[in-house]
Amino acid sequence: MKLLRADGEAYFSEVPGTLGGHRGTGIYGRLDCPTALRAIARGGYVKHRVFFLDEATARAAGYRPCGCCMRDAYHAWRET
């Protein structure tokens, strides 16, 4: 699977990513996020989709948590 590192560069990993993100919005969330799944179903999301091994990597790459599927992390991010 192709994942992003903290520096934003892609690499291939045998370990699947646990989080998905969107390059355009800079938002990451769970792979089962209802908001992301709706966008994928509409077809406009997939070409901008990226994957992260974990939350620390997503944050280090400059992405922020999704307000829908990662509500607690999102509120903590907003307070920083």
PDB file of N, CA and C in Angstrom:
ATOM      1  N   MET A   1       0.841  -1.174   0.000  1.00  0.00           N
ATOM      2  CA  MET A   1       0.000   0.000   0.000  1.00  0.00           C
ATOM      3  C   MET A   1       0.887   1.239   0.000  1.00  0.00           C
ATOM      4  N   LYS A   2       0.453   2.269  -0.693  1.00  0.00           N
ATOM      5  CA  LYS A   2       1.190   3.523  -0.766  1.00  0.00           C
ATOM      6  C   LYS A   2       0.728   4.436   0.369  1.00  0.00           C
ATOM      7  N   LEU A   3       1.659   4.857   1.227  1.00  0.00           N
ATOM      8  CA  LEU A   3       1.376   5.723   2.369  1.00  0.00           C
ATOM      9  C   LEU A   3       2.175   7.010   2.252  1.00  0.00           C
ATOM     10  N   LEU A   4       1.815   8.017   3.039  1.00  0.00           N
ATOM     11  CA  LEU A   4       2.591   9.247   3.121  1.00  0.00           C
ATOM     12  C   LEU A   4       3.394   9.246   4.403  1.00  0.00           C
ATOM     13  N   ARG A   5       4.630   9.744   4.296  1.00  0.00           N
ATOM     14  CA  ARG A   5       5.473   9.933   5.475  1.00  0.00           C
ATOM     15  C   ARG A   5       5.179  11.300   6.079  1.00  0.00           C
ATOM     16  N   ALA A   6       5.789  11.578   7.215  1.00  0.00           N
ATOM     17  CA  ALA A   6       5.612  12.859   7.892  1.00  0.00           C
ATOM     18  C   ALA A   6       6.063  14.031   7.024  1.00  0.00           C
ATOM     19  N   ASP A   7       7.016  13.803   6.118  1.00  0.00           N
ATOM     20  CA  ASP A   7       7.481  14.877   5.232  1.00  0.00           C
ATOM     21  C   ASP A   7       6.607  15.036   3.996  1.00  0.00           C
ATOM     22  N   GLY A   8       5.518  14.260   3.911  1.00  0.00           N
ATOM     23  CA  GLY A   8       4.590  14.363   2.797  1.00  0.00           C
ATOM     24  C   GLY A   8       4.953  13.541   1.581  1.00  0.00           C
ATOM     25  N   GLU A   9       6.060  12.830   1.629  1.00  0.00           N
ATOM     26  CA  GLU A   9       6.493  11.989   0.507  1.00  0.00           C
ATOM     27  C   GLU A   9       5.834  10.617   0.601  1.00  0.00           C
ATOM     28  N   ALA A  10       5.497  10.077  -0.547  1.00  0.00           N
ATOM     29  CA  ALA A  10       4.855   8.764  -0.604  1.00  0.00           C
ATOM     30  C   ALA A  10       5.897   7.650  -0.539  1.00  0.00           C
ATOM     31  N   TYR A  11       5.501   6.517   0.035  1.00  0.00           N
ATOM     32  CA  TYR A  11       6.350   5.327   0.064  1.00  0.00           C
ATOM     33  C   TYR A  11       5.441   4.103   0.078  1.00  0.00           C
ATOM     34  N   PHE A  12       5.993   2.985  -0.307  1.00  0.00           N
ATOM     35  CA  PHE A  12       5.225   1.740  -0.291  1.00  0.00           C
ATOM     36  C   PHE A  12       5.466   1.012   1.018  1.00  0.00           C
ATOM     37  N   SER A  13       4.397   0.528   1.610  1.00  0.00           N
ATOM     38  CA  SER A  13       4.461  -0.159   2.892  1.00  0.00           C
ATOM     39  C   SER A  13       3.706  -1.473   2.798  1.00  0.00           C
ATOM     40  N   GLU A  14       4.244  -2.489   3.441  1.00  0.00           N
ATOM     41  CA  GLU A  14       3.528  -3.760   3.517  1.00  0.00           C
ATOM     42  C   GLU A  14       2.468  -3.718   4.605  1.00  0.00           C
ATOM     43  N   VAL A  15       2.601  -2.757   5.520  1.00  0.00           N
ATOM     44  CA  VAL A  15       1.621  -2.556   6.579  1.00  0.00           C
ATOM     45  C   VAL A  15       0.575  -1.567   6.053  1.00  0.00           C
ATOM     46  N   PRO A  16      -0.692  -1.921   6.067  1.00  0.00           N
ATOM     47  CA  PRO A  16      -1.704  -1.009   5.543  1.00  0.00           C
ATOM     48  C   PRO A  16      -1.874   0.219   6.432  1.00  0.00           C
ATOM     49  N   GLY A  17      -2.267   1.307   5.823  1.00  0.00           N
ATOM     50  CA  GLY A  17      -2.536   2.530   6.569  1.00  0.00           C
ATOM     51  C   GLY A  17      -3.782   2.374   7.425  1.00  0.00           C
ATOM     52  N   THR A  18      -3.837   3.132   8.500  1.00  0.00           N
ATOM     53  CA  THR A  18      -4.992   3.079   9.391  1.00  0.00           C
ATOM     54  C   THR A  18      -5.893   4.293   9.225  1.00  0.00           C
ATOM     55  N   LEU A  19      -5.403   5.321   8.518  1.00  0.00           N
ATOM     56  CA  LEU A  19      -6.161   6.551   8.335  1.00  0.00           C
ATOM     57  C   LEU A  19      -6.091   6.991   6.880  1.00  0.00           C
ATOM     58  N   GLY A  20      -7.151   7.626   6.425  1.00  0.00           N
ATOM     59  CA  GLY A  20      -7.171   8.189   5.080  1.00  0.00           C
ATOM     60  C   GLY A  20      -7.237   9.700   5.164  1.00  0.00           C
ATOM     61  N   GLY A  21      -6.739  10.350   4.132  1.00  0.00           N
ATOM     62  CA  GLY A  21      -6.769  11.807   4.110  1.00  0.00           C
ATOM     63  C   GLY A  21      -7.078  12.322   2.719  1.00  0.00           C
ATOM     64  N   HIS A  22      -7.223  13.632   2.628  1.00  0.00           N
ATOM     65  CA  HIS A  22      -7.511  14.300   1.366  1.00  0.00           C
ATOM     66  C   HIS A  22      -6.458  15.382   1.160  1.00  0.00           C
ATOM     67  N   ARG A  23      -5.712  15.273   0.076  1.00  0.00           N
ATOM     68  CA  ARG A  23      -4.640  16.231  -0.208  1.00  0.00           C
ATOM     69  C   ARG A  23      -5.136  17.675  -0.294  1.00  0.00           C
ATOM     70  N   GLY A  24      -6.277  17.890  -0.907  1.00  0.00           N
ATOM     71  CA  GLY A  24      -6.779  19.247  -1.102  1.00  0.00           C
ATOM     72  C   GLY A  24      -7.203  19.938   0.175  1.00  0.00           C
ATOM     73  N   THR A  25      -7.885  19.221   1.044  1.00  0.00           N
ATOM     74  CA  THR A  25      -8.391  19.825   2.282  1.00  0.00           C
ATOM     75  C   THR A  25      -7.409  19.709   3.437  1.00  0.00           C
ATOM     76  N   GLY A  26      -6.495  18.756   3.362  1.00  0.00           N
ATOM     77  CA  GLY A  26      -5.558  18.545   4.463  1.00  0.00           C
ATOM     78  C   GLY A  26      -6.213  17.943   5.691  1.00  0.00           C
ATOM     79  N   ILE A  27      -7.268  17.169   5.467  1.00  0.00           N
ATOM     80  CA  ILE A  27      -7.998  16.532   6.566  1.00  0.00           C
ATOM     81  C   ILE A  27      -7.753  15.027   6.527  1.00  0.00           C
ATOM     82  N   TYR A  28      -7.578  14.419   7.702  1.00  0.00           N
ATOM     83  CA  TYR A  28      -7.447  12.959   7.779  1.00  0.00           C
ATOM     84  C   TYR A  28      -8.506  12.417   8.721  1.00  0.00           C
ATOM     85  N   GLY A  29      -8.848  11.142   8.523  1.00  0.00           N
ATOM     86  CA  GLY A  29      -9.834  10.508   9.386  1.00  0.00           C
ATOM     87  C   GLY A  29      -9.808   9.001   9.244  1.00  0.00           C
ATOM     88  N   ARG A  30     -10.752   8.377   9.913  1.00  0.00           N
ATOM     89  CA  ARG A  30     -10.855   6.912   9.865  1.00  0.00           C
ATOM     90  C   ARG A  30     -11.223   6.468   8.455  1.00  0.00           C
ATOM     91  N   LEU A  31     -10.871   5.257   8.126  1.00  0.00           N
ATOM     92  CA  LEU A  31     -11.180   4.724   6.804  1.00  0.00           C
ATOM     93  C   LEU A  31     -12.673   4.506   6.613  1.00  0.00           C
ATOM     94  N   ASP A  32     -13.421   4.414   7.703  1.00  0.00           N
ATOM     95  CA  ASP A  32     -14.870   4.232   7.609  1.00  0.00           C
ATOM     96  C   ASP A  32     -15.646   5.529   7.867  1.00  0.00           C
ATOM     97  N   CYS A  33     -14.999   6.660   7.720  1.00  0.00           N
ATOM     98  CA  CYS A  33     -15.634   7.957   7.965  1.00  0.00           C
ATOM     99  C   CYS A  33     -16.830   8.143   7.031  1.00  0.00           C
ATOM    100  N   PRO A  34     -18.021   8.415   7.581  1.00  0.00           N
ATOM    101  CA  PRO A  34     -19.198   8.592   6.735  1.00  0.00           C
ATOM    102  C   PRO A  34     -19.052   9.742   5.742  1.00  0.00           C
ATOM    103  N   THR A  35     -18.431  10.830   6.159  1.00  0.00           N
ATOM    104  CA  THR A  35     -18.263  11.977   5.269  1.00  0.00           C
ATOM    105  C   THR A  35     -17.367  11.609   4.092  1.00  0.00           C
ATOM    106  N   ALA A  36     -16.258  10.942   4.359  1.00  0.00           N
ATOM    107  CA  ALA A  36     -15.352  10.533   3.283  1.00  0.00           C
ATOM    108  C   ALA A  36     -16.008   9.500   2.377  1.00  0.00           C
ATOM    109  N   LEU A  37     -16.736   8.569   2.962  1.00  0.00           N
ATOM    110  CA  LEU A  37     -17.393   7.546   2.144  1.00  0.00           C
ATOM    111  C   LEU A  37     -18.443   8.148   1.212  1.00  0.00           C
ATOM    112  N   ARG A  38     -19.153   9.172   1.679  1.00  0.00           N
ATOM    113  CA  ARG A  38     -20.117   9.856   0.802  1.00  0.00           C
ATOM    114  C   ARG A  38     -19.390  10.555  -0.347  1.00  0.00           C
ATOM    115  N   ALA A  39     -18.271  11.212  -0.042  1.00  0.00           N
ATOM    116  CA  ALA A  39     -17.501  11.898  -1.088  1.00  0.00           C
ATOM    117  C   ALA A  39     -16.943  10.895  -2.091  1.00  0.00           C
ATOM    118  N   ILE A  40     -16.485   9.762  -1.608  1.00  0.00           N
ATOM    119  CA  ILE A  40     -15.971   8.714  -2.497  1.00  0.00           C
ATOM    120  C   ILE A  40     -17.095   8.201  -3.397  1.00  0.00           C
ATOM    121  N   ALA A  41     -18.274   8.018  -2.841  1.00  0.00           N
ATOM    122  CA  ALA A  41     -19.415   7.532  -3.619  1.00  0.00           C
ATOM    123  C   ALA A  41     -19.784   8.501  -4.738  1.00  0.00           C
ATOM    124  N   ARG A  42     -19.571   9.803  -4.497  1.00  0.00           N
ATOM    125  CA  ARG A  42     -19.847  10.800  -5.530  1.00  0.00           C
ATOM    126  C   ARG A  42     -18.749  10.831  -6.592  1.00  0.00           C
ATOM    127  N   GLY A  43     -17.588  10.246  -6.301  1.00  0.00           N
ATOM    128  CA  GLY A  43     -16.528  10.115  -7.288  1.00  0.00           C
ATOM    129  C   GLY A  43     -15.504  11.221  -7.344  1.00  0.00           C
ATOM    130  N   GLY A  44     -15.645  12.271  -6.569  1.00  0.00           N
ATOM    131  CA  GLY A  44     -14.700  13.378  -6.662  1.00  0.00           C
ATOM    132  C   GLY A  44     -13.569  13.351  -5.664  1.00  0.00           C
ATOM    133  N   TYR A  45     -13.457  12.350  -4.872  1.00  0.00           N
ATOM    134  CA  TYR A  45     -12.544  12.321  -3.736  1.00  0.00           C
ATOM    135  C   TYR A  45     -11.328  11.422  -3.972  1.00  0.00           C
ATOM    136  N   VAL A  46     -11.533  10.365  -4.711  1.00  0.00           N
ATOM    137  CA  VAL A  46     -10.559   9.280  -4.807  1.00  0.00           C
ATOM    138  C   VAL A  46      -9.194   9.733  -5.333  1.00  0.00           C
ATOM    139  N   LYS A  47      -9.156  10.601  -6.323  1.00  0.00           N
ATOM    140  CA  LYS A  47      -7.862  10.984  -6.905  1.00  0.00           C
ATOM    141  C   LYS A  47      -7.021  11.830  -5.945  1.00  0.00           C
ATOM    142  N   HIS A  48      -7.618  12.362  -4.900  1.00  0.00           N
ATOM    143  CA  HIS A  48      -6.888  13.171  -3.918  1.00  0.00           C
ATOM    144  C   HIS A  48      -6.658  12.424  -2.606  1.00  0.00           C
ATOM    145  N   ARG A  49      -7.033  11.166  -2.562  1.00  0.00           N
ATOM    146  CA  ARG A  49      -6.964  10.371  -1.336  1.00  0.00           C
ATOM    147  C   ARG A  49      -5.527   9.943  -1.054  1.00  0.00           C
ATOM    148  N   VAL A  50      -5.140  10.062   0.202  1.00  0.00           N
ATOM    149  CA  VAL A  50      -3.834   9.608   0.676  1.00  0.00           C
ATOM    150  C   VAL A  50      -4.066   8.775   1.930  1.00  0.00           C
ATOM    151  N   PHE A  51      -3.059   8.017   2.323  1.00  0.00           N
ATOM    152  CA  PHE A  51      -3.180   7.142   3.485  1.00  0.00           C
ATOM    153  C   PHE A  51      -1.990   7.333   4.412  1.00  0.00           C
ATOM    154  N   PHE A  52      -2.251   7.163   5.698  1.00  0.00           N
ATOM    155  CA  PHE A  52      -1.226   7.323   6.727  1.00  0.00           C
ATOM    156  C   PHE A  52      -1.173   6.079   7.602  1.00  0.00           C
ATOM    157  N   LEU A  53       0.019   5.773   8.078  1.00  0.00           N
ATOM    158  CA  LEU A  53       0.199   4.646   8.977  1.00  0.00           C
ATOM    159  C   LEU A  53      -0.497   4.904  10.305  1.00  0.00           C
ATOM    160  N   ASP A  54      -0.408   6.141  10.800  1.00  0.00           N
ATOM    161  CA  ASP A  54      -0.982   6.469  12.105  1.00  0.00           C
ATOM    162  C   ASP A  54      -1.283   7.967  12.201  1.00  0.00           C
ATOM    163  N   GLU A  55      -1.895   8.346  13.291  1.00  0.00           N
ATOM    164  CA  GLU A  55      -2.298   9.730  13.489  1.00  0.00           C
ATOM    165  C   GLU A  55      -1.102  10.665  13.634  1.00  0.00           C
ATOM    166  N   ALA A  56      -0.057  10.218  14.312  1.00  0.00           N
ATOM    167  CA  ALA A  56       1.126  11.066  14.492  1.00  0.00           C
ATOM    168  C   ALA A  56       1.739  11.438  13.143  1.00  0.00           C
ATOM    169  N   THR A  57       1.773  10.503  12.218  1.00  0.00           N
ATOM    170  CA  THR A  57       2.333  10.774  10.892  1.00  0.00           C
ATOM    171  C   THR A  57       1.447  11.755  10.127  1.00  0.00           C
ATOM    172  N   ALA A  58       0.144  11.575  10.206  1.00  0.00           N
ATOM    173  CA  ALA A  58      -0.780  12.488   9.529  1.00  0.00           C
ATOM    174  C   ALA A  58      -0.620  13.910  10.058  1.00  0.00           C
ATOM    175  N   ARG A  59      -0.536  14.053  11.362  1.00  0.00           N
ATOM    176  CA  ARG A  59      -0.368  15.385  11.964  1.00  0.00           C
ATOM    177  C   ARG A  59       0.965  15.994  11.572  1.00  0.00           C
ATOM    178  N   ALA A  60       2.036  15.187  11.589  1.00  0.00           N
ATOM    179  CA  ALA A  60       3.361  15.689  11.221  1.00  0.00           C
ATOM    180  C   ALA A  60       3.411  16.129   9.762  1.00  0.00           C
ATOM    181  N   ALA A  61       2.584  15.514   8.914  1.00  0.00           N
ATOM    182  CA  ALA A  61       2.530  15.879   7.495  1.00  0.00           C
ATOM    183  C   ALA A  61       1.685  17.130   7.265  1.00  0.00           C
ATOM    184  N   GLY A  62       1.106  17.673   8.333  1.00  0.00           N
ATOM    185  CA  GLY A  62       0.354  18.909   8.220  1.00  0.00           C
ATOM    186  C   GLY A  62      -1.142  18.745   8.054  1.00  0.00           C
ATOM    187  N   TYR A  63      -1.654  17.552   8.249  1.00  0.00           N
ATOM    188  CA  TYR A  63      -3.083  17.291   8.131  1.00  0.00           C
ATOM    189  C   TYR A  63      -3.749  17.469   9.484  1.00  0.00           C
ATOM    190  N   ARG A  64      -5.034  17.787   9.460  1.00  0.00           N
ATOM    191  CA  ARG A  64      -5.785  17.947  10.703  1.00  0.00           C
ATOM    192  C   ARG A  64      -6.868  16.872  10.793  1.00  0.00           C
ATOM    193  N   PRO A  65      -7.321  16.554  12.014  1.00  0.00           N
ATOM    194  CA  PRO A  65      -8.341  15.513  12.181  1.00  0.00           C
ATOM    195  C   PRO A  65      -9.694  15.930  11.625  1.00  0.00           C
ATOM    196  N   CYS A  66     -10.443  14.961  11.185  1.00  0.00           N
ATOM    197  CA  CYS A  66     -11.800  15.158  10.680  1.00  0.00           C
ATOM    198  C   CYS A  66     -12.740  15.474  11.846  1.00  0.00           C
ATOM    199  N   GLY A  67     -13.583  16.472  11.652  1.00  0.00           N
ATOM    200  CA  GLY A  67     -14.537  16.846  12.686  1.00  0.00           C
ATOM    201  C   GLY A  67     -15.693  15.877  12.821  1.00  0.00           C
ATOM    202  N   CYS A  68     -15.884  15.005  11.850  1.00  0.00           N
ATOM    203  CA  CYS A  68     -16.981  14.041  11.883  1.00  0.00           C
ATOM    204  C   CYS A  68     -16.566  12.743  12.580  1.00  0.00           C
ATOM    205  N   CYS A  69     -15.560  12.082  12.065  1.00  0.00           N
ATOM    206  CA  CYS A  69     -15.218  10.747  12.569  1.00  0.00           C
ATOM    207  C   CYS A  69     -14.157  10.759  13.669  1.00  0.00           C
ATOM    208  N   MET A  70     -13.495  11.894  13.877  1.00  0.00           N
ATOM    209  CA  MET A  70     -12.459  11.988  14.915  1.00  0.00           C
ATOM    210  C   MET A  70     -12.732  13.223  15.769  1.00  0.00           C
ATOM    211  N   ARG A  71     -13.951  13.282  16.266  1.00  0.00           N
ATOM    212  CA  ARG A  71     -14.439  14.470  16.962  1.00  0.00           C
ATOM    213  C   ARG A  71     -13.543  14.907  18.129  1.00  0.00           C
ATOM    214  N   ASP A  72     -13.118  13.978  18.982  1.00  0.00           N
ATOM    215  CA  ASP A  72     -12.281  14.344  20.134  1.00  0.00           C
ATOM    216  C   ASP A  72     -10.939  14.912  19.678  1.00  0.00           C
ATOM    217  N   ALA A  73     -10.308  14.255  18.710  1.00  0.00           N
ATOM    218  CA  ALA A  73      -9.027  14.738  18.193  1.00  0.00           C
ATOM    219  C   ALA A  73      -9.196  16.095  17.507  1.00  0.00           C
ATOM    220  N   TYR A  74     -10.326  16.271  16.824  1.00  0.00           N
ATOM    221  CA  TYR A  74     -10.599  17.541  16.150  1.00  0.00           C
ATOM    222  C   TYR A  74     -10.726  18.677  17.168  1.00  0.00           C
ATOM    223  N   HIS A  75     -11.489  18.444  18.253  1.00  0.00           N
ATOM    224  CA  HIS A  75     -11.655  19.482  19.265  1.00  0.00           C
ATOM    225  C   HIS A  75     -10.321  19.806  19.945  1.00  0.00           C
ATOM    226  N   ALA A  76      -9.505  18.795  20.193  1.00  0.00           N
ATOM    227  CA  ALA A  76      -8.185  19.032  20.783  1.00  0.00           C
ATOM    228  C   ALA A  76      -7.320  19.837  19.809  1.00  0.00           C
ATOM    229  N   TRP A  77      -7.385  19.544  18.523  1.00  0.00           N
ATOM    230  CA  TRP A  77      -6.623  20.272  17.509  1.00  0.00           C
ATOM    231  C   TRP A  77      -7.061  21.739  17.474  1.00  0.00           C
ATOM    232  N   ARG A  78      -8.359  21.975  17.546  1.00  0.00           N
ATOM    233  CA  ARG A  78      -8.873  23.348  17.498  1.00  0.00           C
ATOM    234  C   ARG A  78      -8.405  24.171  18.686  1.00  0.00           C
ATOM    235  N   GLU A  79      -8.179  23.526  19.803  1.00  0.00           N
ATOM    236  CA  GLU A  79      -7.757  24.243  21.008  1.00  0.00           C
ATOM    237  C   GLU A  79      -6.267  24.574  21.018  1.00  0.00           C
ATOM    238  N   THR A  80      -5.524  24.022  20.077  1.00  0.00           N
ATOM    239  CA  THR A  80      -4.075  24.298  20.049  1.00  0.00           C
ATOM    240  C   THR A  80      -3.757  25.521  19.237  1.00  0.00           C
TER     241      THR A  80
END
